[in-house]
Amino acid sequence: MLQSLLDQASSCGCTYERDSFGNCKILPPQKTARWELQQVKDRWLLFVGGVPQANLYPEEAEAFLKRRCPRHLNREAV
C-alpha cells in the first residue's frame, strides 16, 4: 500500500522523502500549497500550514491526493 501511495504521489508531481526511521513525507507539487502528508507508522498525518489537521488511513490519504492533484484526475478520466 505504501509504494502504491508513493507512486500515485509521484505521478501527480508530488515529491517525497524518507526520514531516518523509514517514514515518508509527501510534499505538494506547487510551492505555494500549504499541505503535506507525513507517515506515522501505518497512518498519514495531514498538515496544513504546519499544523496537524487529520490522521488518515492510507485509503483516505490516497483520496486526498486524488482531489489535490489535477494531473492524476485528468489521467484517470482518459
N, C-alpha and C. Protein backbone atom coordinates (compact mmCIF):
# COMPACT_ATOMS: atom_id res chain seq x y z
N MET A 1 0.82 -1.20 0.00
CA MET A 1 0.00 0.00 0.00
C MET A 1 0.87 1.26 0.00
N LEU A 2 1.97 1.24 0.76
CA LEU A 2 2.84 2.41 0.83
C LEU A 2 3.40 2.76 -0.55
N GLN A 3 3.93 1.76 -1.25
CA GLN A 3 4.52 2.04 -2.55
C GLN A 3 3.48 2.54 -3.54
N SER A 4 2.27 2.01 -3.46
CA SER A 4 1.19 2.45 -4.32
C SER A 4 0.89 3.94 -4.09
N LEU A 5 0.84 4.34 -2.84
CA LEU A 5 0.57 5.74 -2.50
C LEU A 5 1.72 6.64 -2.96
N LEU A 6 2.94 6.19 -2.79
CA LEU A 6 4.09 6.98 -3.23
C LEU A 6 4.14 7.08 -4.75
N ASP A 7 3.78 6.01 -5.44
CA ASP A 7 3.71 6.04 -6.91
C ASP A 7 2.65 7.04 -7.36
N GLN A 8 1.51 7.03 -6.69
CA GLN A 8 0.44 7.97 -7.03
C GLN A 8 0.91 9.40 -6.80
N ALA A 9 1.58 9.64 -5.70
CA ALA A 9 2.09 10.98 -5.39
C ALA A 9 3.07 11.42 -6.47
N SER A 10 3.96 10.55 -6.87
CA SER A 10 4.93 10.88 -7.93
C SER A 10 4.25 11.16 -9.25
N SER A 11 3.23 10.39 -9.57
CA SER A 11 2.56 10.55 -10.86
C SER A 11 1.85 11.89 -10.98
N CYS A 12 1.50 12.50 -9.87
CA CYS A 12 0.82 13.80 -9.94
C CYS A 12 1.77 14.96 -9.62
N GLY A 13 3.07 14.68 -9.59
CA GLY A 13 4.05 15.75 -9.44
C GLY A 13 4.50 16.02 -8.02
N CYS A 14 3.97 15.30 -7.06
CA CYS A 14 4.40 15.47 -5.68
C CYS A 14 5.80 14.87 -5.51
N THR A 15 6.50 15.34 -4.51
CA THR A 15 7.77 14.75 -4.16
C THR A 15 7.62 14.08 -2.81
N TYR A 16 8.52 13.16 -2.52
CA TYR A 16 8.50 12.54 -1.20
C TYR A 16 9.92 12.28 -0.75
N GLU A 17 10.07 12.20 0.55
CA GLU A 17 11.35 11.93 1.16
C GLU A 17 11.14 11.01 2.34
N ARG A 18 12.18 10.29 2.69
CA ARG A 18 12.12 9.37 3.84
C ARG A 18 13.02 9.91 4.95
N ASP A 19 12.57 9.73 6.19
CA ASP A 19 13.41 10.12 7.32
C ASP A 19 14.26 8.93 7.76
N SER A 20 15.03 9.12 8.80
CA SER A 20 15.95 8.06 9.26
C SER A 20 15.21 6.85 9.82
N PHE A 21 13.92 6.99 10.14
CA PHE A 21 13.13 5.88 10.65
C PHE A 21 12.39 5.14 9.54
N GLY A 22 12.54 5.61 8.30
CA GLY A 22 11.86 4.98 7.17
C GLY A 22 10.48 5.53 6.88
N ASN A 23 10.03 6.51 7.67
CA ASN A 23 8.74 7.14 7.42
C ASN A 23 8.87 8.14 6.27
N CYS A 24 7.79 8.32 5.54
CA CYS A 24 7.81 9.20 4.37
C CYS A 24 7.04 10.49 4.63
N LYS A 25 7.41 11.50 3.85
CA LYS A 25 6.70 12.77 3.84
C LYS A 25 6.40 13.08 2.38
N ILE A 26 5.14 13.34 2.06
CA ILE A 26 4.73 13.69 0.71
C ILE A 26 4.49 15.19 0.67
N LEU A 27 5.14 15.85 -0.30
CA LEU A 27 5.05 17.30 -0.45
C LEU A 27 4.34 17.64 -1.76
N PRO A 28 3.54 18.69 -1.76
CA PRO A 28 2.77 19.05 -2.96
C PRO A 28 3.66 19.55 -4.09
N PRO A 29 3.17 19.45 -5.32
CA PRO A 29 3.96 19.92 -6.46
C PRO A 29 4.06 21.45 -6.52
N GLN A 30 3.05 22.14 -6.00
CA GLN A 30 3.07 23.61 -6.01
C GLN A 30 3.79 24.10 -4.76
N LYS A 31 4.74 24.98 -4.96
CA LYS A 31 5.50 25.52 -3.82
C LYS A 31 4.62 26.37 -2.90
N THR A 32 3.51 26.90 -3.44
CA THR A 32 2.63 27.75 -2.63
C THR A 32 1.60 26.96 -1.84
N ALA A 33 1.45 25.67 -2.15
CA ALA A 33 0.49 24.83 -1.41
C ALA A 33 1.00 24.67 0.02
N ARG A 34 0.09 24.65 0.95
CA ARG A 34 0.49 24.65 2.36
C ARG A 34 0.27 23.31 3.05
N TRP A 35 -0.01 22.25 2.30
CA TRP A 35 -0.26 20.96 2.93
C TRP A 35 0.93 20.03 2.74
N GLU A 36 0.97 19.01 3.57
CA GLU A 36 1.90 17.90 3.40
C GLU A 36 1.34 16.70 4.16
N LEU A 37 1.72 15.52 3.71
CA LEU A 37 1.33 14.28 4.38
C LEU A 37 2.57 13.65 4.99
N GLN A 38 2.51 13.31 6.26
CA GLN A 38 3.62 12.64 6.93
C GLN A 38 3.16 11.28 7.41
N GLN A 39 3.95 10.27 7.07
CA GLN A 39 3.64 8.91 7.51
C GLN A 39 4.01 8.76 8.99
N VAL A 40 3.08 8.18 9.74
CA VAL A 40 3.30 7.87 11.14
C VAL A 40 2.82 6.43 11.32
N LYS A 41 3.79 5.51 11.31
CA LYS A 41 3.50 4.07 11.34
C LYS A 41 2.65 3.69 10.14
N ASP A 42 1.43 3.22 10.35
CA ASP A 42 0.60 2.78 9.22
C ASP A 42 -0.46 3.83 8.83
N ARG A 43 -0.33 5.04 9.33
CA ARG A 43 -1.29 6.12 9.05
C ARG A 43 -0.55 7.30 8.42
N TRP A 44 -1.32 8.29 7.99
CA TRP A 44 -0.77 9.50 7.40
C TRP A 44 -1.36 10.71 8.12
N LEU A 45 -0.49 11.60 8.55
CA LEU A 45 -0.91 12.81 9.24
C LEU A 45 -0.89 13.95 8.23
N LEU A 46 -2.04 14.59 8.05
CA LEU A 46 -2.17 15.72 7.14
C LEU A 46 -1.86 17.01 7.90
N PHE A 47 -0.87 17.74 7.39
CA PHE A 47 -0.51 19.05 7.94
C PHE A 47 -0.97 20.12 6.96
N VAL A 48 -1.56 21.17 7.46
CA VAL A 48 -1.92 22.33 6.64
C VAL A 48 -1.33 23.55 7.35
N GLY A 49 -0.45 24.26 6.65
CA GLY A 49 0.20 25.41 7.25
C GLY A 49 1.04 25.04 8.46
N GLY A 50 1.59 23.82 8.46
CA GLY A 50 2.43 23.38 9.56
C GLY A 50 1.67 22.87 10.77
N VAL A 51 0.35 22.86 10.70
CA VAL A 51 -0.49 22.44 11.83
C VAL A 51 -1.15 21.10 11.48
N PRO A 52 -1.01 20.07 12.34
CA PRO A 52 -1.66 18.79 12.06
C PRO A 52 -3.18 18.94 12.06
N GLN A 53 -3.82 18.38 11.02
CA GLN A 53 -5.26 18.54 10.85
C GLN A 53 -6.04 17.23 10.96
N ALA A 54 -5.48 16.15 10.39
CA ALA A 54 -6.23 14.89 10.35
C ALA A 54 -5.27 13.72 10.31
N ASN A 55 -5.67 12.63 10.94
CA ASN A 55 -4.93 11.38 10.95
C ASN A 55 -5.65 10.43 9.98
N LEU A 56 -5.01 10.12 8.85
CA LEU A 56 -5.69 9.42 7.76
C LEU A 56 -5.22 7.98 7.60
N TYR A 57 -6.15 7.10 7.24
CA TYR A 57 -5.79 5.77 6.78
C TYR A 57 -5.20 5.90 5.38
N PRO A 58 -4.41 4.94 4.92
CA PRO A 58 -3.83 5.04 3.58
C PRO A 58 -4.86 5.30 2.48
N GLU A 59 -6.03 4.70 2.57
CA GLU A 59 -7.08 4.90 1.57
C GLU A 59 -7.56 6.35 1.57
N GLU A 60 -7.63 6.95 2.75
CA GLU A 60 -8.04 8.35 2.87
C GLU A 60 -6.95 9.28 2.33
N ALA A 61 -5.69 8.94 2.57
CA ALA A 61 -4.58 9.73 2.04
C ALA A 61 -4.59 9.66 0.51
N GLU A 62 -4.89 8.50 -0.03
CA GLU A 62 -4.98 8.34 -1.48
C GLU A 62 -6.11 9.21 -2.04
N ALA A 63 -7.25 9.21 -1.39
CA ALA A 63 -8.37 10.04 -1.82
C ALA A 63 -8.00 11.52 -1.74
N PHE A 64 -7.29 11.91 -0.70
CA PHE A 64 -6.84 13.30 -0.57
C PHE A 64 -5.95 13.67 -1.75
N LEU A 65 -5.00 12.81 -2.10
CA LEU A 65 -4.11 13.09 -3.22
C LEU A 65 -4.88 13.21 -4.53
N LYS A 66 -5.85 12.35 -4.73
CA LYS A 66 -6.65 12.41 -5.95
C LYS A 66 -7.35 13.75 -6.09
N ARG A 67 -7.82 14.29 -4.99
CA ARG A 67 -8.52 15.59 -5.02
C ARG A 67 -7.56 16.76 -5.19
N ARG A 68 -6.34 16.61 -4.74
CA ARG A 68 -5.38 17.72 -4.77
C ARG A 68 -4.50 17.73 -6.01
N CYS A 69 -4.45 16.66 -6.75
CA CYS A 69 -3.53 16.55 -7.87
C CYS A 69 -4.30 16.46 -9.18
N PRO A 70 -4.53 17.58 -9.84
CA PRO A 70 -5.35 17.59 -11.05
C PRO A 70 -4.79 16.73 -12.17
N ARG A 71 -3.47 16.62 -12.30
CA ARG A 71 -2.91 15.78 -13.36
C ARG A 71 -3.33 14.34 -13.19
N HIS A 72 -3.39 13.88 -11.95
CA HIS A 72 -3.81 12.50 -11.69
C HIS A 72 -5.27 12.31 -12.08
N LEU A 73 -6.11 13.27 -11.79
CA LEU A 73 -7.54 13.18 -12.14
C LEU A 73 -7.72 13.16 -13.65
N ASN A 74 -7.00 14.00 -14.35
CA ASN A 74 -7.12 14.04 -15.81
C ASN A 74 -6.68 12.74 -16.44
N ARG A 75 -5.66 12.13 -15.90
CA ARG A 75 -5.16 10.87 -16.43
C ARG A 75 -6.21 9.77 -16.25
N GLU A 76 -6.92 9.77 -15.13
CA GLU A 76 -7.94 8.74 -14.90
C GLU A 76 -9.14 8.92 -15.80
N ALA A 77 -9.45 10.14 -16.16
CA ALA A 77 -10.65 10.41 -16.97
C ALA A 77 -10.47 9.96 -18.41
N VAL A 78 -9.23 9.78 -18.84
CA VAL A 78 -8.97 9.39 -20.24
C VAL A 78 -9.26 7.93 -20.43
